């Protein structure tokens, strides 16, 4: 909440001046999704403002320069994996989905691409797209373009079990 306070203060506005609350809903880290959504829902309820929730992979794709073509967007997954989806980043303001969300082993990321992801995600030797905007700028840009929101609920992607079941 301190970061939200600083953001509002730096923008020179009061919290009541906000027209809506925008947030990503996943996929991504379990804790990050839950805390982001809980904070956004609390702000929306407290201020009486609507909430717009968008897919975090769409937001990553929207960080690419318009006209970039097909890119793979990634969000952190389990250890050694990322949640990923293929997006067409055309000349329009909103990337379009070019495939289902997958769980990709980082060691196999170089087999696909180019990738756009947070710089902190280690994709090994995979080719990356250089983002032209931050995730926050991409999120706000998508909302400004009228991108339809989704339910403000966590979007989890189930992978295979971490532990194999015991053999009979």
N, C-alpha and C. Protein backbone atom coordinates (compact mmCIF):
# COMPACT_ATOMS: atom_id res chain seq x y z
N UNK A 1 0.82 -1.19 0.00
CA UNK A 1 0.00 0.00 0.00
C UNK A 1 0.86 1.26 0.00
N UNK A 2 2.05 1.16 0.58
CA UNK A 2 2.94 2.32 0.57
C UNK A 2 3.30 2.70 -0.85
N UNK A 3 3.52 1.72 -1.71
CA UNK A 3 3.85 1.99 -3.11
C UNK A 3 2.66 2.65 -3.82
N UNK A 4 1.45 2.22 -3.51
CA UNK A 4 0.26 2.83 -4.10
C UNK A 4 0.16 4.29 -3.64
N UNK A 5 0.39 4.53 -2.37
CA UNK A 5 0.35 5.90 -1.85
C UNK A 5 1.38 6.79 -2.57
N UNK A 6 2.59 6.26 -2.74
CA UNK A 6 3.63 7.03 -3.44
C UNK A 6 3.25 7.30 -4.89
N UNK A 7 2.68 6.31 -5.55
CA UNK A 7 2.27 6.46 -6.94
C UNK A 7 1.22 7.56 -7.09
N UNK A 8 0.22 7.53 -6.23
CA UNK A 8 -0.84 8.54 -6.27
C UNK A 8 -0.26 9.92 -5.95
N UNK A 9 0.60 9.97 -4.94
CA UNK A 9 1.23 11.25 -4.57
C UNK A 9 2.09 11.79 -5.71
N UNK A 10 2.91 10.92 -6.32
CA UNK A 10 3.77 11.36 -7.44
C UNK A 10 2.95 11.85 -8.63
N UNK A 11 1.76 11.26 -8.82
CA UNK A 11 0.89 11.68 -9.92
C UNK A 11 0.19 13.00 -9.61
N UNK A 12 0.28 13.43 -8.35
CA UNK A 12 -0.34 14.70 -7.97
C UNK A 12 -1.85 14.62 -7.88
N UNK A 13 -2.37 13.45 -7.53
CA UNK A 13 -3.82 13.29 -7.42
C UNK A 13 -4.17 12.72 -6.05
N UNK A 14 -5.45 12.73 -5.76
CA UNK A 14 -5.97 12.11 -4.55
C UNK A 14 -6.52 10.75 -4.92
N UNK A 15 -6.53 9.80 -3.98
CA UNK A 15 -7.09 8.47 -4.30
C UNK A 15 -8.51 8.54 -4.86
N UNK A 16 -9.32 9.46 -4.37
CA UNK A 16 -10.69 9.60 -4.86
C UNK A 16 -10.78 10.04 -6.31
N UNK A 17 -9.66 10.56 -6.86
CA UNK A 17 -9.65 10.98 -8.26
C UNK A 17 -9.54 9.81 -9.23
N UNK A 18 -9.20 8.63 -8.73
CA UNK A 18 -9.05 7.46 -9.60
C UNK A 18 -10.40 7.07 -10.18
N UNK A 19 -10.43 6.81 -11.48
CA UNK A 19 -11.67 6.43 -12.15
C UNK A 19 -11.93 4.92 -12.03
N UNK A 20 -10.86 4.15 -12.00
CA UNK A 20 -10.98 2.70 -11.88
C UNK A 20 -9.66 2.14 -11.38
N UNK A 21 -9.69 0.87 -11.01
CA UNK A 21 -8.50 0.17 -10.53
C UNK A 21 -8.18 -0.91 -11.55
N UNK A 22 -6.94 -0.93 -12.05
CA UNK A 22 -6.51 -1.93 -13.03
C UNK A 22 -5.49 -2.86 -12.38
N UNK A 23 -5.59 -4.15 -12.71
CA UNK A 23 -4.72 -5.17 -12.11
C UNK A 23 -4.58 -6.35 -13.07
N UNK A 24 -3.47 -7.07 -12.94
CA UNK A 24 -3.35 -8.33 -13.68
C UNK A 24 -3.84 -9.46 -12.80
N UNK A 25 -4.32 -10.53 -13.42
CA UNK A 25 -4.93 -11.63 -12.67
C UNK A 25 -4.19 -12.95 -12.82
N UNK A 26 -3.06 -12.94 -13.50
CA UNK A 26 -2.30 -14.16 -13.70
C UNK A 26 -2.43 -14.61 -15.13
N UNK A 27 -1.75 -15.66 -15.49
CA UNK A 27 -0.98 -16.53 -14.60
C UNK A 27 0.32 -15.86 -14.13
N UNK A 28 0.86 -16.43 -13.08
CA UNK A 28 2.09 -15.92 -12.50
C UNK A 28 2.30 -16.53 -11.13
N UNK A 29 3.11 -15.87 -10.33
CA UNK A 29 3.40 -16.42 -9.01
C UNK A 29 2.15 -16.37 -8.14
N UNK A 30 1.91 -17.45 -7.43
CA UNK A 30 0.72 -17.61 -6.59
C UNK A 30 0.56 -16.43 -5.64
N UNK A 31 1.61 -16.11 -4.90
CA UNK A 31 1.53 -15.04 -3.91
C UNK A 31 1.33 -13.68 -4.57
N UNK A 32 2.06 -13.43 -5.66
CA UNK A 32 1.94 -12.15 -6.35
C UNK A 32 0.54 -11.90 -6.90
N UNK A 33 -0.05 -12.94 -7.48
CA UNK A 33 -1.41 -12.80 -8.01
C UNK A 33 -2.39 -12.49 -6.89
N UNK A 34 -2.32 -13.27 -5.83
CA UNK A 34 -3.27 -13.10 -4.73
C UNK A 34 -3.11 -11.73 -4.07
N UNK A 35 -1.86 -11.28 -3.82
CA UNK A 35 -1.69 -9.98 -3.17
C UNK A 35 -2.13 -8.84 -4.08
N UNK A 36 -1.81 -8.93 -5.37
CA UNK A 36 -2.22 -7.88 -6.29
C UNK A 36 -3.72 -7.76 -6.39
N UNK A 37 -4.39 -8.90 -6.52
CA UNK A 37 -5.85 -8.88 -6.62
C UNK A 37 -6.50 -8.42 -5.32
N UNK A 38 -5.98 -8.87 -4.19
CA UNK A 38 -6.56 -8.46 -2.90
C UNK A 38 -6.42 -6.94 -2.71
N UNK A 39 -5.26 -6.41 -3.05
CA UNK A 39 -5.04 -4.97 -2.93
C UNK A 39 -5.97 -4.20 -3.86
N UNK A 40 -6.06 -4.65 -5.11
CA UNK A 40 -6.93 -3.98 -6.08
C UNK A 40 -8.39 -4.04 -5.65
N UNK A 41 -8.83 -5.20 -5.16
CA UNK A 41 -10.22 -5.33 -4.73
C UNK A 41 -10.50 -4.46 -3.50
N UNK A 42 -9.54 -4.37 -2.60
CA UNK A 42 -9.71 -3.50 -1.44
C UNK A 42 -9.81 -2.04 -1.84
N UNK A 43 -8.94 -1.61 -2.76
CA UNK A 43 -9.00 -0.23 -3.24
C UNK A 43 -10.32 0.05 -3.96
N UNK A 44 -10.72 -0.87 -4.82
CA UNK A 44 -11.98 -0.69 -5.57
C UNK A 44 -13.16 -0.59 -4.63
N UNK A 45 -13.20 -1.46 -3.61
CA UNK A 45 -14.30 -1.43 -2.65
C UNK A 45 -14.26 -0.16 -1.81
N UNK A 46 -13.07 0.21 -1.34
CA UNK A 46 -12.93 1.38 -0.49
C UNK A 46 -13.24 2.69 -1.20
N UNK A 47 -12.89 2.75 -2.48
CA UNK A 47 -13.10 3.98 -3.26
C UNK A 47 -14.41 3.97 -4.04
N UNK A 48 -15.06 2.79 -4.07
CA UNK A 48 -16.30 2.68 -4.85
C UNK A 48 -16.06 2.80 -6.34
N UNK A 49 -14.96 2.22 -6.80
CA UNK A 49 -14.58 2.31 -8.22
C UNK A 49 -14.62 0.92 -8.84
N UNK A 50 -14.82 0.87 -10.16
CA UNK A 50 -14.79 -0.43 -10.83
C UNK A 50 -13.36 -0.96 -10.90
N UNK A 51 -13.25 -2.28 -11.09
CA UNK A 51 -11.95 -2.91 -11.23
C UNK A 51 -11.88 -3.58 -12.60
N UNK A 52 -10.75 -3.42 -13.27
CA UNK A 52 -10.49 -4.07 -14.55
C UNK A 52 -9.31 -5.00 -14.35
N UNK A 53 -9.53 -6.29 -14.58
CA UNK A 53 -8.47 -7.29 -14.43
C UNK A 53 -8.15 -7.86 -15.81
N UNK A 54 -6.84 -7.93 -16.12
CA UNK A 54 -6.40 -8.45 -17.41
C UNK A 54 -5.40 -9.58 -17.23
N UNK A 55 -5.32 -10.43 -18.22
CA UNK A 55 -4.38 -11.54 -18.25
C UNK A 55 -2.95 -11.00 -18.23
N UNK A 56 -2.12 -11.53 -17.35
CA UNK A 56 -0.75 -11.03 -17.22
C UNK A 56 0.09 -11.31 -18.47
N UNK A 57 -0.22 -12.37 -19.21
CA UNK A 57 0.53 -12.66 -20.44
C UNK A 57 0.15 -11.68 -21.55
N UNK A 58 -1.10 -11.26 -21.60
CA UNK A 58 -1.52 -10.21 -22.53
C UNK A 58 -0.77 -8.93 -22.22
N UNK A 59 -0.66 -8.59 -20.95
CA UNK A 59 0.05 -7.36 -20.55
C UNK A 59 1.51 -7.45 -20.96
N UNK A 60 2.14 -8.61 -20.75
CA UNK A 60 3.53 -8.78 -21.20
C UNK A 60 3.64 -8.56 -22.71
N UNK A 61 2.73 -9.17 -23.48
CA UNK A 61 2.77 -9.03 -24.94
C UNK A 61 2.60 -7.57 -25.36
N UNK A 62 1.78 -6.84 -24.62
CA UNK A 62 1.54 -5.42 -24.94
C UNK A 62 2.75 -4.54 -24.66
N UNK A 63 3.78 -5.09 -24.01
CA UNK A 63 5.01 -4.34 -23.79
C UNK A 63 5.85 -4.25 -25.06
N UNK A 64 5.57 -5.12 -26.04
CA UNK A 64 6.34 -5.14 -27.29
C UNK A 64 5.91 -4.00 -28.21
N UNK A 65 6.81 -3.62 -29.08
CA UNK A 65 6.53 -2.59 -30.08
C UNK A 65 5.43 -3.09 -31.02
N UNK A 66 4.48 -2.23 -31.35
CA UNK A 66 3.44 -2.60 -32.30
C UNK A 66 4.10 -3.06 -33.60
N UNK A 67 3.52 -4.09 -34.19
CA UNK A 67 4.06 -4.63 -35.43
C UNK A 67 5.19 -5.63 -35.22
N UNK A 68 5.40 -6.07 -33.98
CA UNK A 68 6.48 -7.03 -33.69
C UNK A 68 6.20 -8.42 -34.23
N UNK A 69 4.96 -8.71 -34.60
CA UNK A 69 4.62 -10.03 -35.10
C UNK A 69 4.30 -10.97 -33.94
N UNK A 70 4.63 -12.24 -34.14
CA UNK A 70 4.32 -13.25 -33.13
C UNK A 70 5.42 -13.27 -32.08
N UNK A 71 5.00 -13.18 -30.81
CA UNK A 71 5.94 -13.24 -29.69
C UNK A 71 5.41 -14.22 -28.65
N UNK A 72 6.31 -14.76 -27.86
CA UNK A 72 5.95 -15.58 -26.71
C UNK A 72 6.07 -14.70 -25.48
N UNK A 73 5.01 -14.62 -24.69
CA UNK A 73 5.03 -13.87 -23.44
C UNK A 73 5.19 -14.86 -22.30
N UNK A 74 5.97 -14.48 -21.28
CA UNK A 74 6.23 -15.38 -20.15
C UNK A 74 6.02 -14.67 -18.83
N UNK A 75 5.54 -15.45 -17.88
CA UNK A 75 5.41 -15.04 -16.48
C UNK A 75 6.04 -16.14 -15.64
N UNK A 76 6.53 -15.82 -14.44
CA UNK A 76 7.17 -16.84 -13.61
C UNK A 76 6.23 -18.01 -13.32
N UNK A 77 6.79 -19.21 -13.38
CA UNK A 77 6.05 -20.41 -13.03
C UNK A 77 6.75 -21.11 -11.88
N UNK A 78 6.60 -22.41 -11.84
CA UNK A 78 7.33 -23.18 -10.83
C UNK A 78 8.81 -23.14 -11.15
N UNK A 79 9.62 -23.62 -10.23
CA UNK A 79 11.06 -23.59 -10.42
C UNK A 79 11.46 -24.20 -11.77
N UNK A 80 12.19 -23.42 -12.56
CA UNK A 80 12.66 -23.90 -13.86
C UNK A 80 11.61 -23.87 -14.95
N UNK A 81 10.47 -23.23 -14.68
CA UNK A 81 9.40 -23.18 -15.67
C UNK A 81 8.80 -21.78 -15.74
N UNK A 82 8.14 -21.51 -16.86
CA UNK A 82 7.39 -20.27 -17.02
C UNK A 82 6.01 -20.60 -17.56
N UNK A 83 5.06 -19.72 -17.26
CA UNK A 83 3.76 -19.77 -17.92
C UNK A 83 3.95 -18.97 -19.20
N UNK A 84 3.51 -19.50 -20.31
CA UNK A 84 3.78 -18.85 -21.58
C UNK A 84 2.60 -18.97 -22.53
N UNK A 85 2.49 -17.99 -23.41
CA UNK A 85 1.49 -18.03 -24.47
C UNK A 85 2.02 -17.23 -25.65
N UNK A 86 1.58 -17.62 -26.81
CA UNK A 86 1.97 -17.00 -28.06
C UNK A 86 0.96 -15.89 -28.38
N UNK A 87 1.45 -14.71 -28.77
CA UNK A 87 0.60 -13.57 -29.07
C UNK A 87 1.01 -12.95 -30.40
N UNK A 88 0.03 -12.44 -31.13
CA UNK A 88 0.29 -11.69 -32.34
C UNK A 88 0.24 -10.21 -31.97
N UNK A 89 1.40 -9.56 -32.06
CA UNK A 89 1.48 -8.13 -31.77
C UNK A 89 1.49 -7.41 -33.11
N UNK A 90 0.28 -7.06 -33.56
CA UNK A 90 0.13 -6.38 -34.84
C UNK A 90 0.25 -4.88 -34.69
N UNK A 91 -0.31 -4.18 -35.64
CA UNK A 91 -0.26 -2.71 -35.62
C UNK A 91 -1.30 -2.11 -34.69
N UNK A 92 -2.30 -2.90 -34.30
CA UNK A 92 -3.34 -2.41 -33.40
C UNK A 92 -2.85 -2.33 -31.97
N UNK A 93 -3.65 -1.72 -31.11
CA UNK A 93 -3.22 -1.49 -29.72
C UNK A 93 -3.31 -2.71 -28.81
N UNK A 94 -4.06 -3.75 -29.23
CA UNK A 94 -4.28 -4.90 -28.35
C UNK A 94 -3.78 -6.17 -29.04
N UNK A 95 -2.76 -6.83 -28.47
CA UNK A 95 -2.29 -8.10 -29.05
C UNK A 95 -3.42 -9.14 -29.04
N UNK A 96 -3.36 -10.06 -30.00
CA UNK A 96 -4.37 -11.12 -30.06
C UNK A 96 -3.71 -12.46 -29.76
N UNK A 97 -4.47 -13.30 -29.06
CA UNK A 97 -3.96 -14.61 -28.67
C UNK A 97 -3.72 -15.46 -29.91
N UNK A 98 -2.58 -16.15 -29.91
CA UNK A 98 -2.24 -17.05 -31.01
C UNK A 98 -2.05 -18.48 -30.50
N UNK A 99 -2.55 -18.76 -29.30
CA UNK A 99 -2.42 -20.10 -28.75
C UNK A 99 -2.80 -20.14 -27.28
N UNK A 100 -2.89 -21.34 -26.77
CA UNK A 100 -3.25 -21.56 -25.37
C UNK A 100 -2.07 -21.32 -24.44
N UNK A 101 -2.35 -21.08 -23.17
CA UNK A 101 -1.31 -20.95 -22.16
C UNK A 101 -0.67 -22.31 -21.94
N UNK A 102 0.65 -22.31 -21.86
CA UNK A 102 1.41 -23.53 -21.65
C UNK A 102 2.37 -23.34 -20.49
N UNK A 103 2.82 -24.44 -19.94
CA UNK A 103 3.90 -24.42 -18.97
C UNK A 103 5.14 -24.88 -19.72
N UNK A 104 6.15 -24.02 -19.79
CA UNK A 104 7.35 -24.28 -20.59
C UNK A 104 8.56 -24.38 -19.68
N UNK A 105 9.35 -25.44 -19.86
CA UNK A 105 10.61 -25.56 -19.14
C UNK A 105 11.57 -24.51 -19.68
N UNK A 106 12.20 -23.75 -18.79
CA UNK A 106 13.11 -22.69 -19.20
C UNK A 106 14.21 -23.23 -20.11
N UNK A 107 14.68 -24.44 -19.84
CA UNK A 107 15.75 -25.01 -20.67
C UNK A 107 15.29 -25.26 -22.10
N UNK A 108 13.99 -25.23 -22.36
CA UNK A 108 13.45 -25.42 -23.71
C UNK A 108 12.98 -24.10 -24.33
N UNK A 109 13.16 -22.98 -23.63
CA UNK A 109 12.68 -21.69 -24.12
C UNK A 109 13.34 -21.29 -25.44
N UNK A 110 14.58 -21.64 -25.63
CA UNK A 110 15.28 -21.26 -26.85
C UNK A 110 14.67 -21.93 -28.09
N UNK A 111 13.88 -22.99 -27.88
CA UNK A 111 13.21 -23.67 -29.00
C UNK A 111 12.07 -22.84 -29.56
N UNK A 112 11.67 -21.80 -28.82
CA UNK A 112 10.56 -20.94 -29.22
C UNK A 112 11.05 -19.50 -29.18
N UNK A 113 10.18 -18.63 -29.52
CA UNK A 113 10.53 -17.23 -29.38
C UNK A 113 10.22 -16.46 -30.64
N UNK A 114 10.49 -15.19 -30.61
CA UNK A 114 11.13 -14.43 -29.55
C UNK A 114 10.22 -14.27 -28.34
N UNK A 115 10.84 -13.98 -27.21
CA UNK A 115 10.16 -13.90 -25.93
C UNK A 115 10.10 -12.47 -25.43
N UNK A 116 9.01 -12.16 -24.71
CA UNK A 116 8.93 -10.93 -23.94
C UNK A 116 8.50 -11.31 -22.54
N UNK A 117 9.29 -10.87 -21.57
CA UNK A 117 9.07 -11.25 -20.18
C UNK A 117 9.79 -10.25 -19.29
N UNK A 118 9.46 -10.29 -18.02
CA UNK A 118 10.20 -9.47 -17.06
C UNK A 118 11.68 -9.82 -17.17
N UNK A 119 12.51 -8.81 -17.06
CA UNK A 119 13.96 -9.01 -17.19
C UNK A 119 14.49 -9.98 -16.14
N UNK A 120 13.79 -10.10 -15.03
CA UNK A 120 14.25 -10.98 -13.95
C UNK A 120 14.04 -12.47 -14.27
N UNK A 121 13.27 -12.77 -15.29
CA UNK A 121 13.04 -14.18 -15.67
C UNK A 121 14.21 -14.64 -16.53
N UNK A 122 14.91 -15.67 -16.06
CA UNK A 122 16.04 -16.22 -16.80
C UNK A 122 15.52 -17.18 -17.85
N UNK A 123 15.63 -16.80 -19.11
CA UNK A 123 15.21 -17.65 -20.22
C UNK A 123 16.40 -18.27 -20.95
N UNK A 124 17.55 -18.26 -20.30
CA UNK A 124 18.73 -18.87 -20.90
C UNK A 124 19.13 -18.18 -22.19
N UNK A 125 19.35 -18.96 -23.23
CA UNK A 125 19.79 -18.43 -24.53
C UNK A 125 18.64 -18.04 -25.44
N UNK A 126 17.43 -18.04 -24.93
CA UNK A 126 16.28 -17.70 -25.77
C UNK A 126 16.37 -16.25 -26.26
N UNK A 127 15.93 -16.03 -27.48
CA UNK A 127 15.93 -14.69 -28.07
C UNK A 127 14.80 -13.88 -27.45
N UNK A 128 15.10 -12.64 -27.06
CA UNK A 128 14.12 -11.77 -26.41
C UNK A 128 13.76 -10.58 -27.29
N UNK A 129 12.54 -10.12 -27.08
CA UNK A 129 12.07 -8.87 -27.66
C UNK A 129 12.37 -7.78 -26.64
N UNK A 130 12.89 -6.67 -27.10
CA UNK A 130 13.17 -5.56 -26.18
C UNK A 130 11.86 -4.79 -25.96
N UNK A 131 11.40 -4.73 -24.72
CA UNK A 131 10.14 -4.02 -24.46
C UNK A 131 10.28 -2.52 -24.69
N UNK A 132 9.19 -1.90 -25.12
CA UNK A 132 9.18 -0.44 -25.31
C UNK A 132 8.36 0.26 -24.24
N UNK A 133 7.78 -0.53 -23.34
CA UNK A 133 7.03 0.05 -22.22
C UNK A 133 7.11 -0.89 -21.03
N UNK A 134 6.86 -0.35 -19.86
CA UNK A 134 6.83 -1.17 -18.65
C UNK A 134 5.51 -1.95 -18.62
N UNK A 135 5.43 -2.91 -17.72
CA UNK A 135 4.18 -3.66 -17.57
C UNK A 135 3.06 -2.72 -17.12
N UNK A 136 3.37 -1.77 -16.23
CA UNK A 136 2.35 -0.83 -15.77
C UNK A 136 1.85 0.04 -16.93
N UNK A 137 2.77 0.51 -17.78
CA UNK A 137 2.37 1.30 -18.95
C UNK A 137 1.53 0.47 -19.91
N UNK A 138 1.91 -0.79 -20.09
CA UNK A 138 1.16 -1.67 -20.99
C UNK A 138 -0.25 -1.91 -20.43
N UNK A 139 -0.35 -2.17 -19.13
CA UNK A 139 -1.65 -2.39 -18.50
C UNK A 139 -2.55 -1.17 -18.68
N UNK A 140 -2.02 0.00 -18.37
CA UNK A 140 -2.82 1.23 -18.50
C UNK A 140 -3.19 1.50 -19.96
N UNK A 141 -2.27 1.20 -20.89
CA UNK A 141 -2.55 1.39 -22.31
C UNK A 141 -3.67 0.48 -22.79
N UNK A 142 -3.65 -0.77 -22.34
CA UNK A 142 -4.72 -1.71 -22.72
C UNK A 142 -6.07 -1.24 -22.19
N UNK A 143 -6.10 -0.78 -20.95
CA UNK A 143 -7.34 -0.27 -20.36
C UNK A 143 -7.82 0.95 -21.14
N UNK A 144 -6.91 1.86 -21.46
CA UNK A 144 -7.28 3.07 -22.20
C UNK A 144 -7.83 2.75 -23.58
N UNK A 145 -7.37 1.65 -24.18
CA UNK A 145 -7.84 1.23 -25.50
C UNK A 145 -9.15 0.45 -25.43
N UNK A 146 -9.66 0.25 -24.21
CA UNK A 146 -10.93 -0.43 -24.07
C UNK A 146 -10.85 -1.94 -24.08
N UNK A 147 -9.67 -2.47 -23.79
CA UNK A 147 -9.52 -3.93 -23.73
C UNK A 147 -10.50 -4.47 -22.69
N UNK A 148 -11.32 -5.45 -23.07
CA UNK A 148 -12.30 -5.94 -22.10
C UNK A 148 -11.63 -6.65 -20.93
N UNK A 149 -12.08 -6.33 -19.74
CA UNK A 149 -11.55 -6.96 -18.54
C UNK A 149 -12.12 -8.35 -18.35
N UNK A 150 -11.52 -9.06 -17.42
CA UNK A 150 -11.96 -10.40 -17.06
C UNK A 150 -12.36 -10.38 -15.60
N UNK A 151 -12.83 -11.50 -15.10
CA UNK A 151 -13.18 -11.59 -13.69
C UNK A 151 -11.95 -11.28 -12.84
N UNK A 152 -12.14 -10.51 -11.79
CA UNK A 152 -11.02 -10.16 -10.90
C UNK A 152 -10.75 -11.31 -9.94
N UNK A 153 -10.45 -12.45 -10.53
CA UNK A 153 -10.15 -13.68 -9.81
C UNK A 153 -8.81 -14.21 -10.30
N UNK A 154 -8.09 -14.93 -9.45
CA UNK A 154 -6.79 -15.48 -9.88
C UNK A 154 -6.94 -16.41 -11.07
N UNK A 155 -6.03 -16.31 -12.01
CA UNK A 155 -5.98 -17.22 -13.15
C UNK A 155 -4.79 -18.14 -12.92
N UNK A 156 -5.09 -19.34 -12.49
CA UNK A 156 -4.04 -20.32 -12.21
C UNK A 156 -3.98 -21.34 -13.34
N UNK A 157 -2.79 -21.78 -13.62
CA UNK A 157 -2.59 -22.83 -14.62
C UNK A 157 -2.01 -24.03 -13.88
N UNK A 158 -2.71 -25.13 -13.94
CA UNK A 158 -2.25 -26.33 -13.25
C UNK A 158 -1.27 -27.10 -14.13
N UNK A 159 -0.14 -27.39 -13.56
CA UNK A 159 0.84 -28.22 -14.24
C UNK A 159 0.79 -29.62 -13.70
N UNK A 160 1.71 -30.43 -14.13
CA UNK A 160 1.77 -31.78 -13.59
C UNK A 160 2.14 -31.73 -12.11
N UNK A 161 1.79 -32.76 -11.35
CA UNK A 161 2.13 -32.76 -9.93
C UNK A 161 3.64 -32.65 -9.73
N UNK A 162 4.00 -31.98 -8.64
CA UNK A 162 5.43 -31.81 -8.34
C UNK A 162 6.03 -33.15 -7.94
N UNK A 163 5.29 -33.95 -7.22
CA UNK A 163 5.77 -35.25 -6.76
C UNK A 163 5.01 -36.36 -7.48
N UNK A 164 5.73 -37.37 -7.88
CA UNK A 164 5.07 -38.50 -8.53
C UNK A 164 4.37 -39.34 -7.47
N UNK A 165 3.20 -39.89 -7.81
CA UNK A 165 2.52 -40.74 -6.84
C UNK A 165 3.34 -42.02 -6.59
N UNK A 166 3.22 -42.56 -5.40
CA UNK A 166 3.98 -43.79 -5.10
C UNK A 166 3.54 -44.93 -6.00
N UNK A 167 4.48 -45.78 -6.35
CA UNK A 167 4.16 -46.93 -7.19
C UNK A 167 3.48 -47.99 -6.34
N UNK A 168 2.47 -48.67 -6.93
CA UNK A 168 1.75 -49.69 -6.17
C UNK A 168 2.61 -50.91 -5.84
